[in-house]
Amino acid sequence: MIDRELLEHALLGYEQHRGEVLQKIAELRTAIFNAGQPPQQAVVAEKLRKRPYRRRQMSPEGRARIAAATKKRWAEYHRKHAPRAKR
C-alpha cells in the first residue's frame, strides 16, 4: 500500500516539473514571436483582411434555371395543398 507522504512528495515533484515545462514552452513561444514570424493564425487573418470582397457573378442562364426550378417547386406545393372542390 502506498502511503500518503510518498504521494505528496510525488505530486510536488510533478508540479515542479510541470512548471519547468510550461516555462520552457513560454520561452519557445516568445522566441518564435520575436524571430519575426507571427503565429500562423495571424498570418491567415491578415491575408483575409487584405482580400477584397467580391460577390460571385451568376449568368442569366443560371438565374433562369433557378427561377424555373422555384416555380416548379411552388406549383407542386400549390397542387398538393389546393383546397378540394366540393361535389
N, C-alpha and C. Protein backbone atom coordinates (compact mmCIF):
# COMPACT_ATOMS: atom_id res chain seq x y z
N MET A 1 0.85 -1.18 0.00
CA MET A 1 0.00 0.00 0.00
C MET A 1 0.89 1.24 0.00
N ILE A 2 0.51 2.24 -0.79
CA ILE A 2 1.29 3.45 -0.91
C ILE A 2 0.84 4.43 0.17
N ASP A 3 1.82 4.99 0.88
CA ASP A 3 1.44 5.90 1.96
C ASP A 3 1.24 7.32 1.44
N ARG A 4 0.56 8.11 2.20
CA ARG A 4 0.17 9.46 1.82
C ARG A 4 1.39 10.36 1.60
N GLU A 5 2.41 10.25 2.43
CA GLU A 5 3.59 11.10 2.34
C GLU A 5 4.31 10.89 1.00
N LEU A 6 4.41 9.66 0.57
CA LEU A 6 5.05 9.36 -0.71
C LEU A 6 4.28 10.01 -1.87
N LEU A 7 2.95 9.92 -1.82
CA LEU A 7 2.13 10.52 -2.86
C LEU A 7 2.26 12.04 -2.88
N GLU A 8 2.35 12.65 -1.69
CA GLU A 8 2.50 14.11 -1.62
C GLU A 8 3.83 14.54 -2.23
N HIS A 9 4.90 13.81 -1.94
CA HIS A 9 6.20 14.14 -2.50
C HIS A 9 6.21 13.95 -4.03
N ALA A 10 5.57 12.92 -4.49
CA ALA A 10 5.49 12.68 -5.92
C ALA A 10 4.72 13.82 -6.61
N LEU A 11 3.64 14.23 -5.97
CA LEU A 11 2.84 15.32 -6.52
C LEU A 11 3.65 16.62 -6.58
N LEU A 12 4.40 16.92 -5.53
CA LEU A 12 5.24 18.11 -5.53
C LEU A 12 6.28 18.05 -6.65
N GLY A 13 6.88 16.90 -6.84
CA GLY A 13 7.86 16.75 -7.90
C GLY A 13 7.25 16.95 -9.27
N TYR A 14 6.08 16.38 -9.50
CA TYR A 14 5.41 16.52 -10.79
C TYR A 14 4.98 17.97 -11.04
N GLU A 15 4.52 18.65 -9.98
CA GLU A 15 4.14 20.06 -10.14
C GLU A 15 5.34 20.92 -10.48
N GLN A 16 6.47 20.64 -9.86
CA GLN A 16 7.69 21.40 -10.17
C GLN A 16 8.11 21.14 -11.62
N HIS A 17 8.05 19.89 -12.02
CA HIS A 17 8.41 19.54 -13.40
C HIS A 17 7.46 20.21 -14.39
N ARG A 18 6.17 20.24 -14.05
CA ARG A 18 5.16 20.88 -14.91
C ARG A 18 5.47 22.37 -15.06
N GLY A 19 5.83 23.01 -13.97
CA GLY A 19 6.18 24.43 -14.01
C GLY A 19 7.37 24.69 -14.92
N GLU A 20 8.36 23.82 -14.87
CA GLU A 20 9.54 23.98 -15.73
C GLU A 20 9.16 23.81 -17.20
N VAL A 21 8.33 22.84 -17.48
CA VAL A 21 7.90 22.60 -18.86
C VAL A 21 7.10 23.79 -19.38
N LEU A 22 6.19 24.31 -18.57
CA LEU A 22 5.40 25.46 -19.00
C LEU A 22 6.29 26.68 -19.24
N GLN A 23 7.31 26.84 -18.41
CA GLN A 23 8.23 27.96 -18.58
C GLN A 23 9.00 27.81 -19.90
N LYS A 24 9.44 26.61 -20.22
CA LYS A 24 10.16 26.38 -21.47
C LYS A 24 9.25 26.62 -22.68
N ILE A 25 7.99 26.22 -22.56
CA ILE A 25 7.03 26.47 -23.64
C ILE A 25 6.86 27.96 -23.85
N ALA A 26 6.74 28.72 -22.77
CA ALA A 26 6.60 30.17 -22.88
C ALA A 26 7.83 30.79 -23.52
N GLU A 27 9.01 30.30 -23.18
CA GLU A 27 10.25 30.82 -23.78
C GLU A 27 10.28 30.53 -25.28
N LEU A 28 9.86 29.34 -25.66
CA LEU A 28 9.84 28.99 -27.09
C LEU A 28 8.86 29.86 -27.86
N ARG A 29 7.69 30.10 -27.29
CA ARG A 29 6.71 30.96 -27.96
C ARG A 29 7.24 32.38 -28.11
N THR A 30 7.91 32.87 -27.08
CA THR A 30 8.50 34.21 -27.15
C THR A 30 9.57 34.25 -28.23
N ALA A 31 10.40 33.21 -28.30
CA ALA A 31 11.45 33.17 -29.30
C ALA A 31 10.87 33.15 -30.70
N ILE A 32 9.81 32.40 -30.89
CA ILE A 32 9.17 32.32 -32.21
C ILE A 32 8.58 33.68 -32.57
N PHE A 33 7.90 34.31 -31.65
CA PHE A 33 7.27 35.60 -31.92
C PHE A 33 8.32 36.67 -32.19
N ASN A 34 9.41 36.65 -31.44
CA ASN A 34 10.45 37.66 -31.60
C ASN A 34 11.31 37.41 -32.83
N ALA A 35 11.21 36.25 -33.41
CA ALA A 35 12.00 35.94 -34.60
C ALA A 35 11.41 36.57 -35.85
N GLY A 36 10.33 37.35 -35.69
CA GLY A 36 9.72 38.00 -36.84
C GLY A 36 8.67 37.14 -37.52
N GLN A 37 8.40 36.01 -36.99
CA GLN A 37 7.39 35.12 -37.54
C GLN A 37 6.16 35.15 -36.64
N PRO A 38 5.13 35.90 -37.02
CA PRO A 38 3.92 35.89 -36.20
C PRO A 38 3.25 34.52 -36.26
N PRO A 39 2.44 34.21 -35.29
CA PRO A 39 1.74 32.92 -35.31
C PRO A 39 0.93 32.74 -36.60
N GLN A 40 0.76 31.51 -37.02
CA GLN A 40 0.12 31.19 -38.29
C GLN A 40 -1.29 31.77 -38.38
N GLN A 41 -2.03 31.78 -37.29
CA GLN A 41 -3.39 32.31 -37.32
C GLN A 41 -3.39 33.79 -37.68
N ALA A 42 -2.39 34.53 -37.20
CA ALA A 42 -2.31 35.95 -37.50
C ALA A 42 -2.02 36.17 -38.98
N VAL A 43 -1.19 35.32 -39.56
CA VAL A 43 -0.85 35.44 -40.98
C VAL A 43 -2.10 35.22 -41.83
N VAL A 44 -2.86 34.18 -41.52
CA VAL A 44 -4.08 33.87 -42.28
C VAL A 44 -5.09 34.99 -42.13
N ALA A 45 -5.26 35.49 -40.91
CA ALA A 45 -6.22 36.56 -40.68
C ALA A 45 -5.83 37.81 -41.45
N GLU A 46 -4.57 38.12 -41.51
CA GLU A 46 -4.11 39.29 -42.25
C GLU A 46 -4.38 39.14 -43.74
N LYS A 47 -4.15 37.96 -44.28
CA LYS A 47 -4.43 37.72 -45.71
C LYS A 47 -5.91 37.89 -46.01
N LEU A 48 -6.76 37.41 -45.09
CA LEU A 48 -8.20 37.53 -45.31
C LEU A 48 -8.65 38.99 -45.24
N ARG A 49 -8.02 39.77 -44.38
CA ARG A 49 -8.39 41.18 -44.28
C ARG A 49 -8.00 41.94 -45.53
N LYS A 50 -6.91 41.59 -46.15
CA LYS A 50 -6.42 42.31 -47.32
C LYS A 50 -7.20 41.97 -48.59
N ARG A 51 -7.82 40.80 -48.62
CA ARG A 51 -8.51 40.36 -49.83
C ARG A 51 -9.82 41.12 -49.99
N PRO A 52 -10.06 41.73 -51.16
CA PRO A 52 -11.32 42.45 -51.34
C PRO A 52 -12.48 41.47 -51.45
N TYR A 53 -13.62 41.91 -50.99
CA TYR A 53 -14.82 41.08 -51.04
C TYR A 53 -15.49 41.25 -52.40
N ARG A 54 -15.65 40.16 -53.10
CA ARG A 54 -16.32 40.19 -54.39
C ARG A 54 -17.41 39.12 -54.41
N ARG A 55 -18.58 39.53 -54.85
CA ARG A 55 -19.66 38.56 -54.98
C ARG A 55 -19.46 37.79 -56.27
N ARG A 56 -19.87 36.55 -56.26
CA ARG A 56 -19.78 35.75 -57.47
C ARG A 56 -20.87 36.20 -58.43
N GLN A 57 -20.54 36.22 -59.69
CA GLN A 57 -21.50 36.64 -60.71
C GLN A 57 -22.23 35.41 -61.25
N MET A 58 -23.53 35.55 -61.37
CA MET A 58 -24.33 34.46 -61.90
C MET A 58 -24.78 34.83 -63.31
N SER A 59 -24.71 33.87 -64.20
CA SER A 59 -25.11 34.13 -65.58
C SER A 59 -26.63 34.23 -65.66
N PRO A 60 -27.14 34.89 -66.68
CA PRO A 60 -28.60 34.96 -66.86
C PRO A 60 -29.22 33.58 -67.04
N GLU A 61 -28.47 32.67 -67.66
CA GLU A 61 -28.99 31.30 -67.83
C GLU A 61 -29.13 30.61 -66.48
N GLY A 62 -28.16 30.82 -65.62
CA GLY A 62 -28.22 30.22 -64.28
C GLY A 62 -29.39 30.77 -63.48
N ARG A 63 -29.61 32.10 -63.56
CA ARG A 63 -30.74 32.71 -62.88
C ARG A 63 -32.06 32.15 -63.41
N ALA A 64 -32.13 31.95 -64.72
CA ALA A 64 -33.35 31.42 -65.33
C ALA A 64 -33.61 29.99 -64.86
N ARG A 65 -32.55 29.19 -64.76
CA ARG A 65 -32.73 27.81 -64.28
C ARG A 65 -33.23 27.79 -62.84
N ILE A 66 -32.68 28.66 -62.00
CA ILE A 66 -33.12 28.72 -60.60
C ILE A 66 -34.57 29.18 -60.53
N ALA A 67 -34.95 30.18 -61.32
CA ALA A 67 -36.33 30.67 -61.33
C ALA A 67 -37.28 29.58 -61.78
N ALA A 68 -36.91 28.83 -62.82
CA ALA A 68 -37.78 27.75 -63.32
C ALA A 68 -37.95 26.67 -62.27
N ALA A 69 -36.86 26.31 -61.60
CA ALA A 69 -36.95 25.28 -60.56
C ALA A 69 -37.82 25.74 -59.40
N THR A 70 -37.70 27.02 -59.02
CA THR A 70 -38.50 27.56 -57.92
C THR A 70 -39.98 27.55 -58.29
N LYS A 71 -40.29 27.98 -59.52
CA LYS A 71 -41.68 27.97 -59.97
C LYS A 71 -42.24 26.56 -59.98
N LYS A 72 -41.41 25.60 -60.40
CA LYS A 72 -41.85 24.21 -60.44
C LYS A 72 -42.15 23.70 -59.03
N ARG A 73 -41.27 24.02 -58.08
CA ARG A 73 -41.50 23.58 -56.69
C ARG A 73 -42.77 24.19 -56.12
N TRP A 74 -42.98 25.49 -56.35
CA TRP A 74 -44.18 26.13 -55.81
C TRP A 74 -45.44 25.61 -56.49
N ALA A 75 -45.37 25.33 -57.77
CA ALA A 75 -46.54 24.78 -58.46
C ALA A 75 -46.90 23.42 -57.86
N GLU A 76 -45.89 22.59 -57.60
CA GLU A 76 -46.12 21.29 -56.97
C GLU A 76 -46.73 21.46 -55.58
N TYR A 77 -46.22 22.42 -54.83
CA TYR A 77 -46.72 22.67 -53.48
C TYR A 77 -48.19 23.09 -53.54
N HIS A 78 -48.50 24.04 -54.42
CA HIS A 78 -49.88 24.52 -54.51
C HIS A 78 -50.81 23.45 -55.04
N ARG A 79 -50.32 22.57 -55.91
CA ARG A 79 -51.15 21.47 -56.40
C ARG A 79 -51.50 20.52 -55.26
N LYS A 80 -50.53 20.24 -54.39
CA LYS A 80 -50.79 19.32 -53.28
C LYS A 80 -51.66 19.94 -52.20
N HIS A 81 -51.55 21.25 -51.98
CA HIS A 81 -52.25 21.90 -50.89
C HIS A 81 -53.45 22.72 -51.35
N ALA A 82 -53.87 22.54 -52.56
CA ALA A 82 -55.03 23.29 -53.06
C ALA A 82 -56.30 22.77 -52.38
N PRO A 83 -57.23 23.67 -52.10
CA PRO A 83 -58.49 23.19 -51.49
C PRO A 83 -59.26 22.33 -52.49
N ARG A 84 -59.80 21.27 -51.99
CA ARG A 84 -60.52 20.35 -52.85
C ARG A 84 -61.90 20.91 -53.20
N ALA A 85 -62.31 20.71 -54.43
CA ALA A 85 -63.63 21.20 -54.87
C ALA A 85 -64.72 20.30 -54.29
N LYS A 86 -65.80 20.94 -53.86
CA LYS A 86 -66.93 20.15 -53.31
C LYS A 86 -67.76 19.64 -54.45
N ARG A 87 -68.32 18.45 -54.30
CA ARG A 87 -69.14 17.86 -55.35
C ARG A 87 -70.58 18.15 -55.15
